[in-house]
N, C-alpha and C. Protein backbone atom coordinates (compact mmCIF):
# COMPACT_ATOMS: atom_id res chain seq x y z
N MET A 1 6.46 -5.84 -8.63
CA MET A 1 6.00 -4.93 -9.61
C MET A 1 6.34 -5.53 -10.97
N ARG A 2 5.38 -5.47 -11.87
CA ARG A 2 5.62 -5.97 -13.23
C ARG A 2 5.68 -4.80 -14.20
N LEU A 3 6.66 -4.82 -15.08
CA LEU A 3 6.81 -3.82 -16.12
C LEU A 3 6.72 -4.53 -17.47
N VAL A 4 6.04 -3.91 -18.41
CA VAL A 4 5.91 -4.48 -19.75
C VAL A 4 6.37 -3.45 -20.76
N GLU A 5 7.30 -3.83 -21.64
CA GLU A 5 7.76 -2.95 -22.70
C GLU A 5 6.88 -3.25 -23.92
N LEU A 6 6.10 -2.27 -24.36
CA LEU A 6 5.11 -2.48 -25.40
C LEU A 6 5.51 -1.97 -26.78
N THR A 7 6.57 -1.18 -26.90
CA THR A 7 6.91 -0.58 -28.20
C THR A 7 7.84 -1.46 -29.05
N GLY A 8 8.40 -2.50 -28.45
CA GLY A 8 9.32 -3.35 -29.18
C GLY A 8 10.75 -2.84 -29.21
N GLN A 9 11.05 -1.81 -28.43
CA GLN A 9 12.38 -1.20 -28.42
C GLN A 9 13.07 -1.46 -27.08
N SER A 10 14.35 -1.76 -27.14
CA SER A 10 15.14 -1.93 -25.91
C SER A 10 15.41 -0.56 -25.30
N GLY A 11 15.65 -0.56 -23.99
CA GLY A 11 15.96 0.70 -23.35
C GLY A 11 16.24 0.53 -21.88
N THR A 12 16.55 1.66 -21.25
CA THR A 12 16.82 1.71 -19.81
C THR A 12 15.62 2.32 -19.11
N VAL A 13 15.24 1.70 -18.01
CA VAL A 13 14.08 2.15 -17.23
C VAL A 13 14.57 2.62 -15.87
N LYS A 14 14.11 3.79 -15.47
CA LYS A 14 14.40 4.31 -14.12
C LYS A 14 13.07 4.52 -13.42
N ILE A 15 12.96 3.94 -12.22
CA ILE A 15 11.73 4.05 -11.43
C ILE A 15 12.08 4.63 -10.08
N ALA A 16 11.41 5.72 -9.72
CA ALA A 16 11.69 6.40 -8.45
C ALA A 16 10.54 6.21 -7.48
N PHE A 17 10.89 6.12 -6.20
CA PHE A 17 9.92 5.93 -5.13
C PHE A 17 10.24 6.88 -3.97
N PRO A 18 9.21 7.34 -3.25
CA PRO A 18 9.48 8.15 -2.07
C PRO A 18 10.00 7.27 -0.94
N GLY A 19 10.90 7.81 -0.17
CA GLY A 19 11.44 7.07 0.97
C GLY A 19 12.59 6.17 0.56
N GLU A 20 12.96 5.30 1.47
CA GLU A 20 14.12 4.44 1.27
C GLU A 20 13.71 3.13 0.60
N ILE A 21 14.48 2.70 -0.38
CA ILE A 21 14.33 1.37 -0.97
C ILE A 21 15.35 0.49 -0.25
N THR A 22 14.89 -0.34 0.66
CA THR A 22 15.81 -1.13 1.47
C THR A 22 16.33 -2.36 0.73
N ALA A 23 15.59 -2.85 -0.26
CA ALA A 23 16.04 -3.97 -1.08
C ALA A 23 15.31 -3.93 -2.42
N ALA A 24 16.02 -4.26 -3.49
CA ALA A 24 15.41 -4.30 -4.82
C ALA A 24 16.06 -5.43 -5.60
N PHE A 25 15.25 -6.29 -6.20
CA PHE A 25 15.73 -7.41 -6.97
C PHE A 25 14.93 -7.53 -8.26
N ARG A 26 15.59 -7.95 -9.31
CA ARG A 26 14.89 -8.38 -10.51
C ARG A 26 14.61 -9.86 -10.29
N THR A 27 13.39 -10.29 -10.57
CA THR A 27 13.01 -11.67 -10.32
C THR A 27 12.45 -12.29 -11.60
N ASN A 28 12.29 -13.62 -11.58
CA ASN A 28 11.60 -14.26 -12.67
C ASN A 28 10.09 -14.19 -12.38
N LEU A 29 9.27 -14.75 -13.24
CA LEU A 29 7.83 -14.65 -13.06
C LEU A 29 7.33 -15.36 -11.80
N MET A 30 8.14 -16.25 -11.25
CA MET A 30 7.77 -16.96 -10.02
C MET A 30 8.24 -16.23 -8.77
N GLY A 31 8.94 -15.11 -8.93
CA GLY A 31 9.41 -14.34 -7.79
C GLY A 31 10.77 -14.75 -7.28
N GLU A 32 11.46 -15.64 -7.99
CA GLU A 32 12.81 -16.06 -7.59
C GLU A 32 13.81 -14.99 -8.03
N GLN A 33 14.72 -14.63 -7.16
CA GLN A 33 15.66 -13.54 -7.42
C GLN A 33 16.64 -13.90 -8.53
N ILE A 34 16.80 -12.97 -9.47
CA ILE A 34 17.76 -13.14 -10.57
C ILE A 34 18.96 -12.22 -10.35
N ALA A 35 18.71 -10.94 -10.06
CA ALA A 35 19.80 -9.97 -9.88
C ALA A 35 19.38 -8.90 -8.89
N ARG A 36 20.35 -8.45 -8.12
CA ARG A 36 20.11 -7.36 -7.16
C ARG A 36 20.18 -6.04 -7.91
N LEU A 37 19.27 -5.12 -7.60
CA LEU A 37 19.29 -3.78 -8.18
C LEU A 37 19.72 -2.80 -7.09
N GLU A 38 20.58 -1.90 -7.44
CA GLU A 38 21.07 -0.91 -6.48
C GLU A 38 20.17 0.33 -6.51
N ALA A 39 19.80 0.79 -5.35
CA ALA A 39 19.00 2.01 -5.22
C ALA A 39 19.95 3.19 -5.08
N GLU A 40 19.59 4.29 -5.72
CA GLU A 40 20.40 5.50 -5.63
C GLU A 40 19.50 6.70 -5.36
N PRO A 41 20.01 7.68 -4.63
CA PRO A 41 19.20 8.86 -4.35
C PRO A 41 18.87 9.61 -5.65
N VAL A 42 17.72 10.24 -5.67
CA VAL A 42 17.29 11.02 -6.82
C VAL A 42 16.56 12.25 -6.31
N LYS A 43 16.57 13.30 -7.10
CA LYS A 43 15.87 14.53 -6.71
C LYS A 43 14.36 14.26 -6.67
N SER A 44 13.71 14.76 -5.64
CA SER A 44 12.28 14.57 -5.47
C SER A 44 11.50 15.27 -6.58
N PRO A 45 10.55 14.57 -7.24
CA PRO A 45 9.76 15.22 -8.28
C PRO A 45 8.67 16.13 -7.73
N VAL A 46 8.41 16.04 -6.44
CA VAL A 46 7.39 16.88 -5.80
C VAL A 46 7.97 17.46 -4.52
N TYR A 47 7.35 18.53 -4.04
CA TYR A 47 7.78 19.13 -2.78
C TYR A 47 7.28 18.26 -1.63
N GLY A 48 8.13 17.98 -0.67
CA GLY A 48 7.71 17.20 0.48
C GLY A 48 8.89 16.84 1.35
N PRO A 49 8.61 16.26 2.51
CA PRO A 49 9.68 15.97 3.47
C PRO A 49 10.47 14.70 3.15
N LEU A 50 9.96 13.84 2.26
CA LEU A 50 10.64 12.58 2.00
C LEU A 50 11.72 12.72 0.95
N SER A 51 12.80 11.99 1.16
CA SER A 51 13.80 11.87 0.11
C SER A 51 13.35 10.73 -0.81
N TRP A 52 13.82 10.74 -2.03
CA TRP A 52 13.42 9.73 -3.00
C TRP A 52 14.63 8.91 -3.42
N GLN A 53 14.36 7.66 -3.84
CA GLN A 53 15.40 6.79 -4.38
C GLN A 53 14.87 6.15 -5.67
N GLN A 54 15.80 5.73 -6.53
CA GLN A 54 15.39 5.10 -7.77
C GLN A 54 16.21 3.85 -8.04
N VAL A 55 15.64 2.96 -8.82
CA VAL A 55 16.36 1.79 -9.34
C VAL A 55 16.37 1.90 -10.86
N THR A 56 17.41 1.36 -11.46
CA THR A 56 17.58 1.41 -12.91
C THR A 56 17.75 -0.01 -13.43
N LEU A 57 17.09 -0.33 -14.54
CA LEU A 57 17.24 -1.63 -15.15
C LEU A 57 17.11 -1.50 -16.66
N SER A 58 17.67 -2.45 -17.37
CA SER A 58 17.57 -2.50 -18.83
C SER A 58 16.47 -3.49 -19.20
N MET A 59 15.74 -3.13 -20.26
CA MET A 59 14.69 -4.02 -20.75
C MET A 59 14.84 -4.21 -22.26
N ARG A 60 14.57 -5.41 -22.72
CA ARG A 60 14.55 -5.69 -24.16
C ARG A 60 13.16 -5.37 -24.69
N GLY A 61 13.04 -5.28 -25.99
CA GLY A 61 11.74 -5.03 -26.60
C GLY A 61 10.75 -6.14 -26.28
N ASN A 62 9.53 -5.76 -25.93
CA ASN A 62 8.43 -6.68 -25.61
C ASN A 62 8.71 -7.56 -24.39
N GLU A 63 9.62 -7.15 -23.55
CA GLU A 63 9.96 -7.94 -22.36
C GLU A 63 9.01 -7.64 -21.22
N ILE A 64 8.77 -8.64 -20.40
CA ILE A 64 8.05 -8.47 -19.14
C ILE A 64 9.08 -8.60 -18.03
N ALA A 65 9.25 -7.57 -17.22
CA ALA A 65 10.21 -7.58 -16.12
C ALA A 65 9.44 -7.58 -14.80
N THR A 66 9.89 -8.40 -13.87
CA THR A 66 9.28 -8.47 -12.55
C THR A 66 10.30 -8.01 -11.52
N LEU A 67 9.88 -7.09 -10.67
CA LEU A 67 10.75 -6.55 -9.62
C LEU A 67 10.19 -6.87 -8.25
N TYR A 68 11.08 -7.13 -7.32
CA TYR A 68 10.73 -7.21 -5.90
C TYR A 68 11.32 -5.97 -5.25
N LEU A 69 10.48 -5.19 -4.59
CA LEU A 69 10.94 -3.97 -3.93
C LEU A 69 10.51 -3.98 -2.48
N ASP A 70 11.45 -3.72 -1.59
CA ASP A 70 11.12 -3.54 -0.18
C ASP A 70 11.21 -2.04 0.09
N LEU A 71 10.05 -1.40 0.17
CA LEU A 71 9.99 0.04 0.39
C LEU A 71 9.71 0.31 1.86
N ALA A 72 10.56 1.09 2.49
CA ALA A 72 10.39 1.37 3.92
C ALA A 72 9.04 2.03 4.19
N GLN A 73 8.58 2.90 3.30
CA GLN A 73 7.29 3.58 3.50
C GLN A 73 6.11 2.63 3.37
N GLY A 74 6.29 1.51 2.67
CA GLY A 74 5.20 0.59 2.45
C GLY A 74 5.12 -0.55 3.44
N ARG A 75 6.02 -0.58 4.39
CA ARG A 75 6.00 -1.69 5.36
C ARG A 75 4.80 -1.59 6.28
N LYS A 76 4.36 -2.74 6.72
CA LYS A 76 3.22 -2.81 7.64
C LYS A 76 3.62 -2.23 8.98
N THR A 77 2.76 -1.40 9.54
CA THR A 77 2.99 -0.86 10.87
C THR A 77 1.80 -1.21 11.75
N THR A 78 2.08 -1.46 13.02
CA THR A 78 0.98 -1.76 13.93
C THR A 78 0.36 -0.45 14.40
N ARG A 79 -0.93 -0.48 14.56
CA ARG A 79 -1.66 0.72 15.00
C ARG A 79 -2.58 0.35 16.15
N ASP A 80 -2.67 1.23 17.10
CA ASP A 80 -3.57 1.05 18.23
C ASP A 80 -4.92 1.65 17.83
N LEU A 81 -5.79 0.86 17.23
CA LEU A 81 -7.07 1.38 16.75
C LEU A 81 -7.98 1.83 17.89
N GLY A 82 -7.80 1.26 19.08
CA GLY A 82 -8.61 1.68 20.22
C GLY A 82 -8.42 3.15 20.56
N SER A 83 -7.23 3.66 20.34
CA SER A 83 -6.95 5.07 20.63
C SER A 83 -7.69 6.01 19.68
N PHE A 84 -8.05 5.51 18.50
CA PHE A 84 -8.74 6.32 17.50
C PHE A 84 -10.18 5.88 17.31
N ARG A 85 -10.75 5.26 18.34
CA ARG A 85 -12.09 4.72 18.27
C ARG A 85 -13.13 5.76 17.89
N SER A 86 -12.95 6.98 18.34
CA SER A 86 -13.93 8.02 18.05
C SER A 86 -14.00 8.33 16.56
N VAL A 87 -12.96 7.97 15.82
CA VAL A 87 -12.95 8.23 14.39
C VAL A 87 -13.72 7.16 13.63
N TRP A 88 -13.59 5.89 14.02
CA TRP A 88 -14.14 4.81 13.21
C TRP A 88 -15.38 4.14 13.81
N ALA A 89 -15.77 4.48 15.02
CA ALA A 89 -16.94 3.83 15.62
C ALA A 89 -17.84 4.87 16.27
N ASP A 90 -19.14 4.68 16.11
CA ASP A 90 -20.07 5.62 16.74
C ASP A 90 -20.89 4.98 17.85
N ILE A 91 -20.57 3.72 18.22
CA ILE A 91 -21.28 3.07 19.32
C ILE A 91 -20.43 3.23 20.57
N PRO A 92 -20.97 3.82 21.63
CA PRO A 92 -20.18 4.05 22.85
C PRO A 92 -19.70 2.74 23.46
N LEU A 93 -18.55 2.80 24.14
CA LEU A 93 -18.00 1.61 24.78
C LEU A 93 -18.96 1.03 25.80
N ASP A 94 -19.66 1.87 26.57
CA ASP A 94 -20.59 1.38 27.58
C ASP A 94 -21.70 0.54 26.93
N TYR A 95 -22.11 0.91 25.76
CA TYR A 95 -23.17 0.19 25.09
C TYR A 95 -22.70 -1.19 24.64
N GLN A 96 -21.42 -1.31 24.28
CA GLN A 96 -20.90 -2.58 23.79
C GLN A 96 -20.83 -3.63 24.88
N ARG A 97 -20.65 -3.23 26.10
CA ARG A 97 -20.52 -4.21 27.18
C ARG A 97 -21.86 -4.89 27.41
N GLY A 98 -21.86 -6.21 27.33
CA GLY A 98 -23.06 -6.98 27.61
C GLY A 98 -24.09 -6.95 26.51
N VAL A 99 -23.74 -6.49 25.33
CA VAL A 99 -24.72 -6.44 24.25
C VAL A 99 -24.81 -7.80 23.56
N THR A 100 -26.00 -8.18 23.13
CA THR A 100 -26.16 -9.41 22.38
C THR A 100 -26.21 -9.07 20.90
N LEU A 101 -25.65 -9.94 20.10
CA LEU A 101 -25.61 -9.71 18.67
C LEU A 101 -26.98 -9.96 18.06
N LEU A 102 -27.36 -9.11 17.15
CA LEU A 102 -28.65 -9.22 16.47
C LEU A 102 -28.47 -9.93 15.13
N PRO A 103 -29.51 -10.61 14.65
CA PRO A 103 -29.44 -11.16 13.29
C PRO A 103 -29.25 -10.02 12.29
N MET A 104 -28.67 -10.33 11.14
CA MET A 104 -28.35 -9.31 10.15
C MET A 104 -29.57 -8.50 9.72
N HIS A 105 -30.74 -9.11 9.62
CA HIS A 105 -31.90 -8.35 9.15
C HIS A 105 -32.38 -7.32 10.18
N GLN A 106 -31.94 -7.42 11.44
CA GLN A 106 -32.31 -6.44 12.45
C GLN A 106 -31.23 -5.38 12.66
N ALA A 107 -30.02 -5.61 12.19
CA ALA A 107 -28.91 -4.68 12.42
C ALA A 107 -29.17 -3.29 11.84
N PRO A 108 -29.73 -3.12 10.63
CA PRO A 108 -29.98 -1.76 10.14
C PRO A 108 -30.94 -0.96 11.02
N VAL A 109 -31.89 -1.63 11.66
CA VAL A 109 -32.82 -0.93 12.56
C VAL A 109 -32.05 -0.37 13.74
N LEU A 110 -31.15 -1.15 14.31
CA LEU A 110 -30.33 -0.70 15.43
C LEU A 110 -29.46 0.49 15.00
N ALA A 111 -28.88 0.42 13.80
CA ALA A 111 -28.01 1.50 13.33
C ALA A 111 -28.80 2.80 13.18
N ARG A 112 -30.03 2.73 12.73
CA ARG A 112 -30.83 3.95 12.58
C ARG A 112 -31.18 4.53 13.94
N GLN A 113 -31.39 3.68 14.94
CA GLN A 113 -31.73 4.18 16.27
C GLN A 113 -30.53 4.81 16.96
N GLN A 114 -29.33 4.29 16.72
CA GLN A 114 -28.14 4.74 17.44
C GLN A 114 -27.47 5.94 16.81
N SER A 115 -27.61 6.12 15.51
CA SER A 115 -26.84 7.15 14.83
C SER A 115 -27.77 8.27 14.32
N PRO A 116 -27.65 9.48 14.89
CA PRO A 116 -28.48 10.57 14.41
C PRO A 116 -28.10 11.02 13.00
N ALA A 117 -26.92 10.62 12.52
CA ALA A 117 -26.50 11.03 11.18
C ALA A 117 -27.23 10.27 10.08
N CYS A 118 -27.81 9.10 10.42
CA CYS A 118 -28.52 8.30 9.43
C CYS A 118 -30.01 8.67 9.45
N PRO A 119 -30.50 9.31 8.43
CA PRO A 119 -31.95 9.60 8.41
C PRO A 119 -32.73 8.32 8.28
N GLY A 120 -33.82 8.22 9.03
CA GLY A 120 -34.62 7.03 9.12
C GLY A 120 -35.37 6.68 7.92
C-alpha cells in the first residue's frame, strides 16, 4: 500500500483494517523491509462480526510511504468451483462430455440456442 502526504505537514497516520493483520512492515519503494509495524486492536467503525486492527506510522511532509501488509482476510483461499457450477455455468455437464469446440464466430449462435435467458 502506498500513502502520499500532500499537504506538506508531518503527522501520524493510523490505518485500520477488518480482521487480523498478521504482518506489517514499512518498506522502501522496491518493497525491501525497513521497519516492522505493530498491529493493535481498534474499535470497529462499522457493525459486523469481524474485529479490527490498526497500524500507526509517522510521515514527513510530502513523503511517499510504502507498506507491506499481510491481512488474514485478504489471503488466497482455494474454492471448489465445481460445487457451485449451477451459479456460474448454464451448460449441463452431460452436454459438455464429448463436445467439440466451435470457432469463435459460431460460439454466439450456440449460446443463443442453449440459454433461454438470451433473447435471439
